[in-house]
């Protein structure tokens, strides 16, 4: 009996030692709320890189709000690096380097990949005390060579929009990205890959220069592989002329002709031009754009019996309106 009790005591001590040494997992303080496990770890091939991303946990397993996450250990495995999961990146949220967060999702990228090799990834959150939480789902893929940059990329600069074109290559589709204030674009402007050009980006600010990237996409199995992009700068131009000035009027005054009209309501008005038609000839008679809606012609032509005038409006982009209604005045009775 004594021998049996000693054996039982020894086994109990061994079991307690195993638990104390953490063989069952990372030790956690009793009662500490645990974040819900990350279940949407994935990888997207963009810009010739593998972007690994996941949603940052916001709720614990008991539905309370998550607090105290300090960072994430991202593990990677591959056949040419031993096959086991090893730490690939240790992302600390207070570093603000090596990752970006968009809409609650953390993105980082892998640019050290070999064609034909299978890679696997898994992420583990850890808190401010260094305690590692449960791991995420495993994401894996076989790395294949993404397509080359598109060629023949051009941009037509139109009013409030840019029209992009490029040379089509068989079995490829395309994504168009726009940089906003030098922020790296994670998502294309087009909602689905484009079979071919052109692509029109509308609602833009005239006079502002935009940076675009056109990238080719090749689907391997069910996975799209997107290659590096061809960059082009483009500036939409205001090509819409203002409305012509309204209600022009003429009257003789102090040996000349005073021409007046209603002020233009155009928000981007730069000024006015006045044209005189006499003896079959047309000429602009102001040397610089007029800022006020009137003009005094001191030399309408003393030998002419009739002279006519019209006015145009010019906007800040240099677009000139159609002529106003022409007005005729008798110079010599």
Protein backbone atom coordinates (compact mmCIF):
# COMPACT_ATOMS: atom_id res chain seq x y z
CA UNK A 1 0.00 0.00 0.00
CA UNK A 2 2.78 2.39 0.94
CA UNK A 3 4.52 1.68 -2.35
CA UNK A 4 1.34 2.45 -4.29
CA UNK A 5 0.88 5.70 -2.41
CA UNK A 6 4.46 6.74 -3.23
CA UNK A 7 3.95 5.96 -6.92
CA UNK A 8 0.69 7.97 -6.97
CA UNK A 9 2.39 10.91 -5.22
CA UNK A 10 5.28 10.83 -7.71
CA UNK A 11 2.90 10.82 -10.69
CA UNK A 12 0.93 13.69 -9.18
CA UNK A 13 4.09 15.76 -8.71
CA UNK A 14 5.15 15.01 -12.29
CA UNK A 15 1.77 16.14 -13.59
CA UNK A 16 1.94 19.36 -11.55
CA UNK A 17 5.45 19.99 -12.85
CA UNK A 18 4.29 19.64 -16.43
CA UNK A 19 1.47 22.15 -15.90
CA UNK A 20 3.78 24.56 -14.07
CA UNK A 21 6.30 24.40 -16.93
CA UNK A 22 3.67 25.46 -19.47
CA UNK A 23 3.55 22.30 -21.52
CA UNK A 24 -0.17 22.81 -22.07
CA UNK A 25 0.27 26.38 -23.49
CA UNK A 26 1.30 29.88 -22.53
CA UNK A 27 0.54 30.78 -18.89
CA UNK A 28 -2.17 33.40 -18.49
CA UNK A 29 -3.32 35.27 -15.35
CA UNK A 30 -6.46 33.80 -13.90
CA UNK A 31 -9.58 35.63 -15.04
CA UNK A 32 -7.88 37.56 -17.87
CA UNK A 33 -10.37 38.07 -20.74
CA UNK A 34 -9.05 36.53 -23.95
CA UNK A 35 -9.60 38.13 -27.40
CA UNK A 36 -11.60 36.15 -29.89
CA UNK A 37 -9.25 34.25 -32.16
CA UNK A 38 -8.36 35.83 -35.49
CA UNK A 39 -10.17 33.81 -38.14
CA UNK A 40 -9.73 35.89 -41.30
CA UNK A 41 -5.97 35.86 -41.89
CA UNK A 42 -5.44 35.99 -45.65
CA UNK A 43 -2.97 36.97 -48.34
CA UNK A 44 -3.50 39.02 -51.51
CA UNK A 45 -0.99 39.32 -54.33
CA UNK A 46 -0.81 43.04 -55.12
CA UNK A 47 1.86 45.11 -56.83
CA UNK A 48 4.07 42.02 -57.20
CA UNK A 49 4.05 41.48 -53.40
CA UNK A 50 2.14 39.26 -50.99
CA UNK A 51 0.03 41.43 -48.67
CA UNK A 52 -0.79 39.51 -45.49
CA UNK A 53 -3.74 40.95 -43.57
CA UNK A 54 -6.18 40.27 -40.74
CA UNK A 55 -8.84 42.05 -38.70
CA UNK A 56 -7.56 43.35 -35.36
CA UNK A 57 -9.65 41.77 -32.55
CA UNK A 58 -12.06 44.20 -30.87
CA UNK A 59 -14.07 41.76 -28.72
CA UNK A 60 -13.05 39.23 -26.09
CA UNK A 61 -14.50 35.75 -25.86
CA UNK A 62 -16.88 37.04 -23.17
CA UNK A 63 -18.09 39.84 -25.53
CA UNK A 64 -16.29 42.59 -23.59
CA UNK A 65 -14.12 45.08 -25.45
CA UNK A 66 -10.51 44.12 -26.09
CA UNK A 67 -7.82 46.18 -24.39
CA UNK A 68 -4.11 45.79 -23.84
CA UNK A 69 -3.04 44.24 -27.17
CA UNK A 70 0.53 45.37 -27.72
CA UNK A 71 1.29 43.65 -30.98
CA UNK A 72 1.22 40.57 -33.18
CA UNK A 73 3.76 37.85 -33.90
CA UNK A 74 3.38 36.66 -37.47
CA UNK A 75 4.79 33.20 -38.08
CA UNK A 76 5.86 31.91 -41.49
CA UNK A 77 6.73 28.45 -42.76
CA UNK A 78 8.13 27.28 -46.09
CA UNK A 79 9.66 24.13 -47.55
CA UNK A 80 13.05 25.77 -48.18
CA UNK A 81 13.31 27.18 -44.64
CA UNK A 82 12.81 24.01 -42.65
CA UNK A 83 9.04 23.62 -42.93
CA UNK A 84 8.31 24.72 -39.35
CA UNK A 85 6.64 27.97 -38.33
CA UNK A 86 9.15 30.59 -37.21
CA UNK A 87 8.70 34.24 -36.29
CA UNK A 88 8.65 36.22 -39.52
CA UNK A 89 7.54 39.61 -38.18
CA UNK A 90 6.95 41.01 -34.71
CA UNK A 91 4.61 43.98 -35.18
CA UNK A 92 4.30 46.36 -32.26
CA UNK A 93 1.33 48.70 -32.61
CA UNK A 94 3.24 51.61 -31.09
CA UNK A 95 6.03 51.35 -33.68
CA UNK A 96 3.93 52.57 -36.63
CA UNK A 97 6.39 50.93 -39.01
CA UNK A 98 6.22 47.91 -41.27
CA UNK A 99 2.43 47.83 -41.48
CA UNK A 100 -0.69 49.89 -42.15
CA UNK A 101 -4.23 49.73 -40.78
CA UNK A 102 -7.29 50.39 -42.95
CA UNK A 103 -10.85 50.01 -41.68
CA UNK A 104 -9.74 47.95 -38.70
CA UNK A 105 -7.63 45.58 -40.78
CA UNK A 106 -3.84 45.32 -40.45
CA UNK A 107 -1.76 44.90 -43.61
CA UNK A 108 1.88 43.99 -44.01
CA UNK A 109 3.77 42.51 -46.96
CA UNK A 110 6.25 39.80 -47.85
CA UNK A 111 8.73 40.58 -50.65
CA UNK A 112 11.11 37.65 -50.03
CA UNK A 113 9.40 34.85 -51.94
CA UNK A 114 10.60 32.18 -54.37
CA UNK A 115 8.64 30.94 -57.36
CA UNK A 116 7.13 27.48 -56.83
CA UNK A 117 7.57 27.45 -53.04
CA UNK A 118 4.61 26.92 -50.67
CA UNK A 119 4.41 29.44 -47.82
CA UNK A 120 2.23 29.36 -44.73
CA UNK A 121 1.36 32.13 -42.24
CA UNK A 122 -0.22 32.33 -38.79
CA UNK A 123 -0.59 35.27 -36.41
CA UNK A 124 -0.58 35.43 -32.60
CA UNK A 125 -1.67 38.54 -30.65
CA UNK A 126 0.16 39.38 -27.42
CA UNK A 127 -0.65 41.85 -24.67
CA UNK A 128 1.33 44.49 -22.78
CA UNK A 129 2.59 41.83 -20.37
CA UNK A 130 4.02 39.79 -23.23
CA UNK A 131 1.45 37.03 -22.86
CA UNK A 132 0.74 35.41 -26.24
CA UNK A 133 -2.88 34.66 -27.12
CA UNK A 134 -4.42 31.97 -29.30
CA UNK A 135 -3.22 31.71 -32.89
CA UNK A 136 -5.20 32.56 -35.99
CA UNK A 137 -6.21 30.38 -38.89
CA UNK A 138 -3.39 29.29 -41.20
CA UNK A 139 -3.10 30.92 -44.61
CA UNK A 140 -0.94 29.29 -47.28
CA UNK A 141 -0.18 29.67 -50.99
CA UNK A 142 2.24 28.60 -53.68
CA UNK A 143 4.14 31.64 -54.91
CA UNK A 144 4.01 32.15 -58.68
CA UNK A 145 5.53 34.89 -60.81
CA UNK A 146 3.13 37.84 -61.22
CA UNK A 147 2.68 39.43 -64.69
CA UNK A 148 4.90 42.23 -66.00
CA UNK A 149 4.07 45.92 -65.98
CA UNK A 150 1.52 47.06 -68.59
CA UNK A 151 2.94 48.95 -71.55
CA UNK A 152 1.60 51.84 -73.60
CA UNK A 153 -0.12 53.53 -70.66
CA UNK A 154 -1.53 56.95 -71.60
CA UNK A 155 -3.82 59.50 -69.95
CA UNK A 156 -6.31 61.83 -71.63
CA UNK A 157 -6.79 64.93 -69.49
CA UNK A 158 -10.39 66.06 -69.72
CA UNK A 159 -12.75 68.29 -67.78
CA UNK A 160 -12.99 66.90 -64.20
CA UNK A 161 -11.89 63.45 -65.34
CA UNK A 162 -8.96 61.35 -66.57
CA UNK A 163 -9.27 58.60 -69.18
CA UNK A 164 -6.53 55.95 -68.92
CA UNK A 165 -5.59 53.57 -71.73
CA UNK A 166 -2.99 50.81 -72.13
CA UNK A 167 -2.01 47.93 -74.40
CA UNK A 168 -4.04 44.78 -73.85
CA UNK A 169 -2.29 41.41 -73.35
CA UNK A 170 -4.14 38.13 -73.84
CA UNK A 171 -5.33 36.26 -70.70
CA UNK A 172 -4.67 39.27 -68.45
CA UNK A 173 -7.04 41.68 -66.74
CA UNK A 174 -6.16 45.02 -65.14
CA UNK A 175 -6.55 47.12 -61.99
CA UNK A 176 -6.21 50.90 -61.81
CA UNK A 177 -4.99 52.56 -58.60
CA UNK A 178 -4.89 56.22 -57.64
CA UNK A 179 -2.59 57.67 -55.02
CA UNK A 180 -4.31 60.20 -52.73
CA UNK A 181 -1.96 62.63 -50.97
CA UNK A 182 0.95 60.17 -51.41
CA UNK A 183 -0.89 57.45 -49.44
CA UNK A 184 -0.16 53.98 -50.86
CA UNK A 185 -3.33 52.65 -52.54
CA UNK A 186 -4.43 49.25 -51.27
CA UNK A 187 -7.61 49.06 -53.33
CA UNK A 188 -8.19 49.74 -57.05
CA UNK A 189 -10.55 52.39 -58.39
CA UNK A 190 -12.34 49.75 -60.47
CA UNK A 191 -14.71 47.48 -58.48
CA UNK A 192 -13.72 44.43 -60.55
CA UNK A 193 -10.69 43.65 -62.77
CA UNK A 194 -10.95 45.27 -66.20
CA UNK A 195 -10.85 43.11 -69.30
CA UNK A 196 -9.35 45.97 -71.33
CA UNK A 197 -8.89 49.73 -71.53
CA UNK A 198 -10.07 52.44 -71.21
CA UNK A 199 -10.82 53.38 -67.61
CA UNK A 200 -12.38 56.74 -66.72
CA UNK A 201 -11.86 58.34 -63.32
CA UNK A 202 -14.43 61.06 -62.78
CA UNK A 203 -15.30 63.74 -60.24
CA UNK A 204 -11.76 65.11 -60.09
CA UNK A 205 -10.48 68.58 -59.27
CA UNK A 206 -9.36 70.49 -62.34
CA UNK A 207 -5.76 71.67 -62.17
CA UNK A 208 -4.75 69.07 -59.57
CA UNK A 209 -2.16 66.46 -60.58
CA UNK A 210 -3.10 62.83 -59.81
CA UNK A 211 -0.80 59.81 -59.70
CA UNK A 212 -2.12 56.57 -61.19
CA UNK A 213 -0.85 52.99 -61.43
CA UNK A 214 -2.09 50.42 -63.92
CA UNK A 215 -1.35 46.81 -62.91
CA UNK A 216 -1.90 43.57 -64.81
CA UNK A 217 -3.64 40.63 -63.14
CA UNK A 218 -3.34 36.94 -64.00
CA UNK A 219 -5.58 34.34 -62.34
CA UNK A 220 -3.78 31.14 -61.31
CA UNK A 221 -6.40 28.59 -60.29
CA UNK A 222 -8.75 30.77 -58.26
CA UNK A 223 -6.13 33.22 -57.00
CA UNK A 224 -5.40 36.53 -58.80
CA UNK A 225 -1.72 37.42 -59.04
CA UNK A 226 -1.25 41.15 -59.59
CA UNK A 227 2.06 42.44 -60.92
CA UNK A 228 3.89 45.71 -60.43
CA UNK A 229 2.27 48.81 -61.88
CA UNK A 230 3.09 51.36 -64.53
CA UNK A 231 2.88 54.87 -63.04
CA UNK A 232 1.52 57.91 -64.87
CA UNK A 233 0.72 61.47 -63.75
CA UNK A 234 -2.30 63.30 -65.12
CA UNK A 235 -4.04 66.63 -64.51
CA UNK A 236 -7.70 67.15 -65.46
CA UNK A 237 -8.29 70.40 -67.33
CA UNK A 238 -11.30 72.69 -67.33
CA UNK A 239 -12.42 72.76 -70.95
CA UNK A 240 -15.91 74.11 -70.40
CA UNK A 241 -16.23 77.77 -71.49
CA UNK A 242 -18.32 80.18 -69.44
CA UNK A 243 -21.67 81.50 -70.62
CA UNK A 244 -21.48 84.60 -72.84
CA UNK A 245 -22.14 87.97 -71.18
CA UNK A 246 -25.79 89.09 -71.20
CA UNK A 247 -27.62 92.32 -72.11
CA UNK A 248 -24.79 94.30 -73.76
CA UNK A 249 -25.59 97.99 -74.32
CA UNK A 250 -23.96 100.80 -76.38
CA UNK A 251 -24.09 104.55 -76.04
CA UNK A 252 -22.08 107.49 -77.39
CA UNK A 253 -20.06 109.31 -74.73
CA UNK A 254 -17.38 112.01 -74.93
CA UNK A 255 -16.40 111.28 -78.51
CA UNK A 256 -16.31 107.52 -78.07
CA UNK A 257 -18.54 104.54 -77.44
CA UNK A 258 -19.31 103.12 -74.00
CA UNK A 259 -20.09 99.42 -73.99
CA UNK A 260 -21.59 97.82 -70.85
CA UNK A 261 -23.09 94.43 -69.98
CA UNK A 262 -24.41 92.41 -67.05
CA UNK A 263 -21.73 90.95 -64.73
CA UNK A 264 -21.01 87.27 -65.32
CA UNK A 265 -22.14 84.90 -62.52
CA UNK A 266 -19.38 82.36 -63.33
CA UNK A 267 -17.41 81.39 -60.20
CA UNK A 268 -14.15 80.90 -62.14
CA UNK A 269 -14.38 84.09 -64.21
CA UNK A 270 -11.03 85.68 -65.10
CA UNK A 271 -12.36 88.63 -67.10
CA UNK A 272 -13.83 89.86 -70.40
CA UNK A 273 -12.78 90.58 -73.96
CA UNK A 274 -14.41 93.19 -76.21
CA UNK A 275 -14.41 92.81 -80.00
CA UNK A 276 -15.13 95.55 -82.57
CA UNK A 277 -16.40 94.83 -86.08
CA UNK A 278 -15.86 97.65 -88.56
CA UNK A 279 -15.42 97.75 -92.34
CA UNK A 280 -15.50 93.97 -92.54
CA UNK A 281 -12.74 93.53 -89.99
CA UNK A 282 -12.91 92.04 -86.48
CA UNK A 283 -10.41 92.92 -83.76
CA UNK A 284 -10.07 92.58 -80.00
CA UNK A 285 -9.74 96.11 -78.67
CA UNK A 286 -8.75 95.50 -75.03
CA UNK A 287 -5.05 94.80 -74.39
CA UNK A 288 -5.67 92.76 -71.21
CA UNK A 289 -8.65 91.01 -69.68
CA UNK A 290 -11.25 93.45 -68.38
CA UNK A 291 -12.26 93.06 -64.75
CA UNK A 292 -15.30 95.34 -64.86
CA UNK A 293 -18.40 94.83 -67.09
CA UNK A 294 -17.80 97.91 -69.22
CA UNK A 295 -15.39 99.32 -71.76
CA UNK A 296 -14.93 102.77 -73.35
CA UNK A 297 -13.79 102.74 -76.96
CA UNK A 298 -12.07 106.09 -77.61
CA UNK A 299 -11.36 105.38 -81.27
CA UNK A 300 -14.32 103.65 -82.90
CA UNK A 301 -13.37 104.98 -86.37
CA UNK A 302 -14.25 108.53 -87.37
CA UNK A 303 -14.71 107.67 -91.05
CA UNK A 304 -17.15 104.85 -90.34
CA UNK A 305 -20.87 105.23 -90.26
CA UNK A 306 -21.70 102.01 -88.41
CA UNK A 307 -19.68 100.01 -85.85
CA UNK A 308 -20.71 96.88 -83.98
CA UNK A 309 -19.40 95.21 -80.83
CA UNK A 310 -19.68 91.98 -78.89
CA UNK A 311 -18.24 90.71 -75.59
CA UNK A 312 -16.88 87.35 -74.41
CA UNK A 313 -16.19 85.96 -70.95
CA UNK A 314 -12.94 84.12 -70.13
CA UNK A 315 -12.43 81.73 -67.20
CA UNK A 316 -9.26 81.10 -65.18
CA UNK A 317 -8.40 78.08 -67.38
CA UNK A 318 -8.38 80.28 -70.48
CA UNK A 319 -11.67 79.04 -71.92
CA UNK A 320 -13.45 81.80 -73.83
CA UNK A 321 -17.21 81.94 -74.18
CA UNK A 322 -19.24 82.35 -77.32
CA UNK A 323 -19.88 85.97 -78.34
CA UNK A 324 -22.58 87.95 -76.65
CA UNK A 325 -25.39 89.39 -78.74
CA UNK A 326 -23.84 91.81 -81.24
CA UNK A 327 -24.71 95.50 -80.81
CA UNK A 328 -24.56 98.09 -83.60
CA UNK A 329 -24.17 101.83 -83.15
CA UNK A 330 -24.22 104.72 -85.63
CA UNK A 331 -20.98 106.69 -85.46
CA UNK A 332 -21.73 109.29 -88.15
CA UNK A 333 -25.24 110.38 -89.08
